[in-house]
C-alpha atoms as a PDB file:
ATOM      1  CA  UNK A   1     -73.696 152.407  43.305  1.00  0.00           C
ATOM      2  CA  UNK A   2     -73.747 152.223  46.794  1.00  0.00           C
ATOM      3  CA  UNK A   3     -72.135 155.084  48.491  1.00  0.00           C
ATOM      4  CA  UNK A   4     -69.147 154.211  50.276  1.00  0.00           C
ATOM      5  CA  UNK A   5     -68.690 155.317  53.968  1.00  0.00           C
ATOM      6  CA  UNK A   6     -72.145 156.754  54.586  1.00  0.00           C
ATOM      7  CA  UNK A   7     -73.646 153.782  56.392  1.00  0.00           C
ATOM      8  CA  UNK A   8     -70.502 152.332  57.629  1.00  0.00           C
ATOM      9  CA  UNK A   9     -72.173 151.205  60.845  1.00  0.00           C
ATOM     10  CA  UNK A  10     -74.747 148.801  59.133  1.00  0.00           C
ATOM     11  CA  UNK A  11     -72.189 147.370  56.534  1.00  0.00           C
ATOM     12  CA  UNK A  12     -69.638 146.402  59.726  1.00  0.00           C
ATOM     13  CA  UNK A  13     -72.511 144.782  60.818  1.00  0.00           C
ATOM     14  CA  UNK A  14     -73.257 142.739  57.895  1.00  0.00           C
ATOM     15  CA  UNK A  15     -69.841 141.858  57.587  1.00  0.00           C
ATOM     16  CA  UNK A  16     -69.651 140.199  61.136  1.00  0.00           C
ATOM     17  CA  UNK A  17     -72.584 138.464  60.252  1.00  0.00           C
ATOM     18  CA  UNK A  18     -71.002 137.180  57.282  1.00  0.00           C
ATOM     19  CA  UNK A  19     -67.493 136.293  59.372  1.00  0.00           C
ATOM     20  CA  UNK A  20     -70.144 134.132  61.758  1.00  0.00           C
ATOM     21  CA  UNK A  21     -71.599 132.100  59.023  1.00  0.00           C
ATOM     22  CA  UNK A  22     -68.110 131.229  57.386  1.00  0.00           C
ATOM     23  CA  UNK A  23     -66.906 130.436  60.698  1.00  0.00           C
ATOM     24  CA  UNK A  24     -69.572 128.301  61.475  1.00  0.00           C
ATOM     25  CA  UNK A  25     -69.216 126.026  58.201  1.00  0.00           C
ATOM     26  CA  UNK A  26     -65.495 125.894  58.578  1.00  0.00           C
ATOM     27  CA  UNK A  27     -64.445 126.471  62.133  1.00  0.00           C
ATOM     28  CA  UNK A  28     -60.889 124.138  61.892  1.00  0.00           C
ATOM     29  CA  UNK A  29     -60.267 126.580  59.220  1.00  0.00           C
ATOM     30  CA  UNK A  30     -61.385 129.929  61.734  1.00  0.00           C
ATOM     31  CA  UNK A  31     -59.065 128.353  64.592  1.00  0.00           C
ATOM     32  CA  UNK A  32     -55.628 128.354  62.632  1.00  0.00           C
ATOM     33  CA  UNK A  33     -56.536 131.627  61.299  1.00  0.00           C
ATOM     34  CA  UNK A  34     -57.007 133.172  64.929  1.00  0.00           C
ATOM     35  CA  UNK A  35     -53.654 130.793  66.065  1.00  0.00           C
ATOM     36  CA  UNK A  36     -51.765 132.433  63.086  1.00  0.00           C
ATOM     37  CA  UNK A  37     -52.941 135.428  63.685  1.00  0.00           C
ATOM     38  CA  UNK A  38     -52.072 135.061  67.335  1.00  0.00           C
ATOM     39  CA  UNK A  39     -48.279 133.671  66.505  1.00  0.00           C
ATOM     40  CA  UNK A  40     -47.776 136.361  64.389  1.00  0.00           C
ATOM     41  CA  UNK A  41     -48.824 138.999  66.741  1.00  0.00           C
ATOM     42  CA  UNK A  42     -46.806 137.630  69.544  1.00  0.00           C
ATOM     43  CA  UNK A  43     -44.130 137.263  67.541  1.00  0.00           C
ATOM     44  CA  UNK A  44     -43.831 140.892  66.551  1.00  0.00           C
ATOM     45  CA  UNK A  45     -44.815 142.270  69.830  1.00  0.00           C
ATOM     46  CA  UNK A  46     -41.062 140.183  71.132  1.00  0.00           C
ATOM     47  CA  UNK A  47     -39.269 141.356  68.330  1.00  0.00           C
ATOM     48  CA  UNK A  48     -40.113 144.937  68.913  1.00  0.00           C
ATOM     49  CA  UNK A  49     -39.314 144.614  72.494  1.00  0.00           C
ATOM     50  CA  UNK A  50     -36.058 143.227  72.076  1.00  0.00           C
ATOM     51  CA  UNK A  51     -35.044 145.855  69.173  1.00  0.00           C
ATOM     52  CA  UNK A  52     -36.527 148.739  71.379  1.00  0.00           C
ATOM     53  CA  UNK A  53     -34.372 147.366  74.295  1.00  0.00           C
ATOM     54  CA  UNK A  54     -31.184 147.125  72.456  1.00  0.00           C
ATOM     55  CA  UNK A  55     -31.058 149.930  69.863  1.00  0.00           C
ATOM     56  CA  UNK A  56     -33.624 152.540  70.947  1.00  0.00           C
ATOM     57  CA  UNK A  57     -33.365 153.049  74.709  1.00  0.00           C
ATOM     58  CA  UNK A  58     -30.233 154.488  76.379  1.00  0.00           C
ATOM     59  CA  UNK A  59     -27.970 152.163  77.844  1.00  0.00           C
ATOM     60  CA  UNK A  60     -27.980 152.096  82.168  1.00  0.00           C
ATOM     61  CA  UNK A  61     -24.764 154.038  82.535  1.00  0.00           C
ATOM     62  CA  UNK A  62     -23.617 157.349  83.506  1.00  0.00           C
ATOM     63  CA  UNK A  63     -21.282 158.060  80.873  1.00  0.00           C
ATOM     64  CA  UNK A  64     -22.212 155.533  77.808  1.00  0.00           C
ATOM     65  CA  UNK A  65     -20.273 157.331  75.366  1.00  0.00           C
ATOM     66  CA  UNK A  66     -17.178 156.342  77.174  1.00  0.00           C
ATOM     67  CA  UNK A  67     -17.637 152.596  76.905  1.00  0.00           C
ATOM     68  CA  UNK A  68     -15.263 150.801  75.194  1.00  0.00           C
ATOM     69  CA  UNK A  69     -14.222 147.119  74.349  1.00  0.00           C
ATOM     70  CA  UNK A  70     -10.758 146.238  74.499  1.00  0.00           C
ATOM     71  CA  UNK A  71      -9.576 144.234  71.812  1.00  0.00           C
ATOM     72  CA  UNK A  72      -6.498 142.134  71.253  1.00  0.00           C
ATOM     73  CA  UNK A  73      -4.740 140.909  68.007  1.00  0.00           C
ATOM     74  CA  UNK A  74      -3.041 137.531  67.579  1.00  0.00           C
ATOM     75  CA  UNK A  75      -1.144 136.136  64.670  1.00  0.00           C
ATOM     76  CA  UNK A  76      -3.850 138.106  62.210  1.00  0.00           C
ATOM     77  CA  UNK A  77      -7.200 137.269  64.717  1.00  0.00           C
ATOM     78  CA  UNK A  78      -8.976 139.073  66.609  1.00  0.00           C
ATOM     79  CA  UNK A  79      -9.453 137.681  70.254  1.00  0.00           C
ATOM     80  CA  UNK A  80     -11.725 139.683  72.742  1.00  0.00           C
ATOM     81  CA  UNK A  81     -10.772 140.998  75.945  1.00  0.00           C
ATOM     82  CA  UNK A  82     -10.571 138.587  78.956  1.00  0.00           C
ATOM     83  CA  UNK A  83      -8.735 138.836  82.675  1.00  0.00           C
ATOM     84  CA  UNK A  84      -5.903 137.446  81.004  1.00  0.00           C
ATOM     85  CA  UNK A  85      -5.258 139.626  78.488  1.00  0.00           C
ATOM     86  CA  UNK A  86      -6.569 142.512  80.664  1.00  0.00           C
ATOM     87  CA  UNK A  87      -3.506 141.915  83.182  1.00  0.00           C
ATOM     88  CA  UNK A  88      -0.888 142.167  79.981  1.00  0.00           C
ATOM     89  CA  UNK A  89      -2.357 145.230  78.581  1.00  0.00           C
ATOM     90  CA  UNK A  90      -2.024 146.675  82.434  1.00  0.00           C
ATOM     91  CA  UNK A  91       1.382 145.215  82.760  1.00  0.00           C
ATOM     92  CA  UNK A  92       2.089 146.668  78.862  1.00  0.00           C
ATOM     93  CA  UNK A  93       0.444 150.323  79.463  1.00  0.00           C
ATOM     94  CA  UNK A  94       1.164 151.301  82.891  1.00  0.00           C
ATOM     95  CA  UNK A  95       0.536 154.853  82.587  1.00  0.00           C
ATOM     96  CA  UNK A  96      -2.834 154.354  80.373  1.00  0.00           C
ATOM     97  CA  UNK A  97      -4.907 156.635  83.053  1.00  0.00           C
END
């Protein structure tokens, strides 16, 4: 039995020669594999960038813990805050500061 890890550089060169021979026999398959790997890596990088920006980086505000969202409940349905709802809220709660 051959000792694993003792001659890794020669094994790596042998593997590269095998990959070259296989690619030369079926270039369409090789192109499909390379394209699939490239798309997978690109999608992974894009998803990581979005998750990193949204979840891991702090907000660009001085006191992000003080940011709130006002909600208005009308007939059992939640409606997000808008300019019109903000005016009604200010009129109903004049001493909110």
